[in-house]
Amino acid sequence: MDYGTTFQQAPTATYFVETMTMFLLSLRVFAISLATNEFARFSV
């Protein structure tokens, strides 16, 4: 049983998923804030 390799792969995959999730969330928030700024600019 190669416990070292299994233990190394699992956290890497979890870290990758968490990083992608945070990246997509921040992208969504950025896009929403951009759209809100554009909407506020045109509505005035």
Protein backbone atom coordinates (compact mmCIF):
# COMPACT_ATOMS: atom_id res chain seq x y z
CA MET A 1 0.00 0.00 0.00
CA ASP A 2 1.59 3.23 -1.19
CA TYR A 3 0.08 5.53 1.40
CA GLY A 4 2.46 8.40 0.63
CA THR A 5 1.37 8.77 -3.01
CA THR A 6 -2.33 8.51 -2.15
CA PHE A 7 -1.94 11.06 0.61
CA GLN A 8 -0.15 13.45 -1.75
CA GLN A 9 -2.69 13.21 -4.55
CA ALA A 10 -5.86 13.75 -2.49
CA PRO A 11 -4.98 17.16 -0.97
CA THR A 12 -3.72 18.35 -4.36
CA ALA A 13 -7.06 17.58 -6.01
CA THR A 14 -8.96 19.19 -3.13
CA TYR A 15 -6.74 22.26 -3.31
CA PHE A 16 -7.28 22.49 -7.06
CA VAL A 17 -11.07 22.27 -6.71
CA GLU A 18 -11.13 24.84 -3.91
CA THR A 19 -8.90 27.21 -5.88
CA MET A 20 -11.07 26.91 -8.99
CA THR A 21 -14.23 27.46 -6.92
CA MET A 22 -12.83 30.59 -5.29
CA PHE A 23 -11.56 31.82 -8.67
CA LEU A 24 -14.97 31.36 -10.30
CA LEU A 25 -16.73 32.99 -7.34
CA SER A 26 -14.46 36.02 -7.46
CA LEU A 27 -14.93 36.21 -11.24
CA ARG A 28 -18.71 36.16 -10.79
CA VAL A 29 -18.60 38.86 -8.13
CA PHE A 30 -16.34 40.96 -10.35
CA ALA A 31 -18.68 40.55 -13.33
CA ILE A 32 -21.72 41.42 -11.21
CA SER A 33 -20.04 44.54 -9.83
CA LEU A 34 -19.04 45.56 -13.36
CA ALA A 35 -22.59 45.07 -14.62
CA THR A 36 -23.98 47.00 -11.65
CA ASN A 37 -21.61 49.90 -12.31
CA GLU A 38 -22.60 49.97 -15.99
CA PHE A 39 -26.30 49.83 -15.10
CA ALA A 40 -25.94 52.63 -12.54
CA ARG A 41 -24.04 54.75 -15.05
CA PHE A 42 -26.71 54.36 -17.75
CA SER A 43 -29.69 54.71 -15.40
CA VAL A 44 -28.57 58.12 -14.14
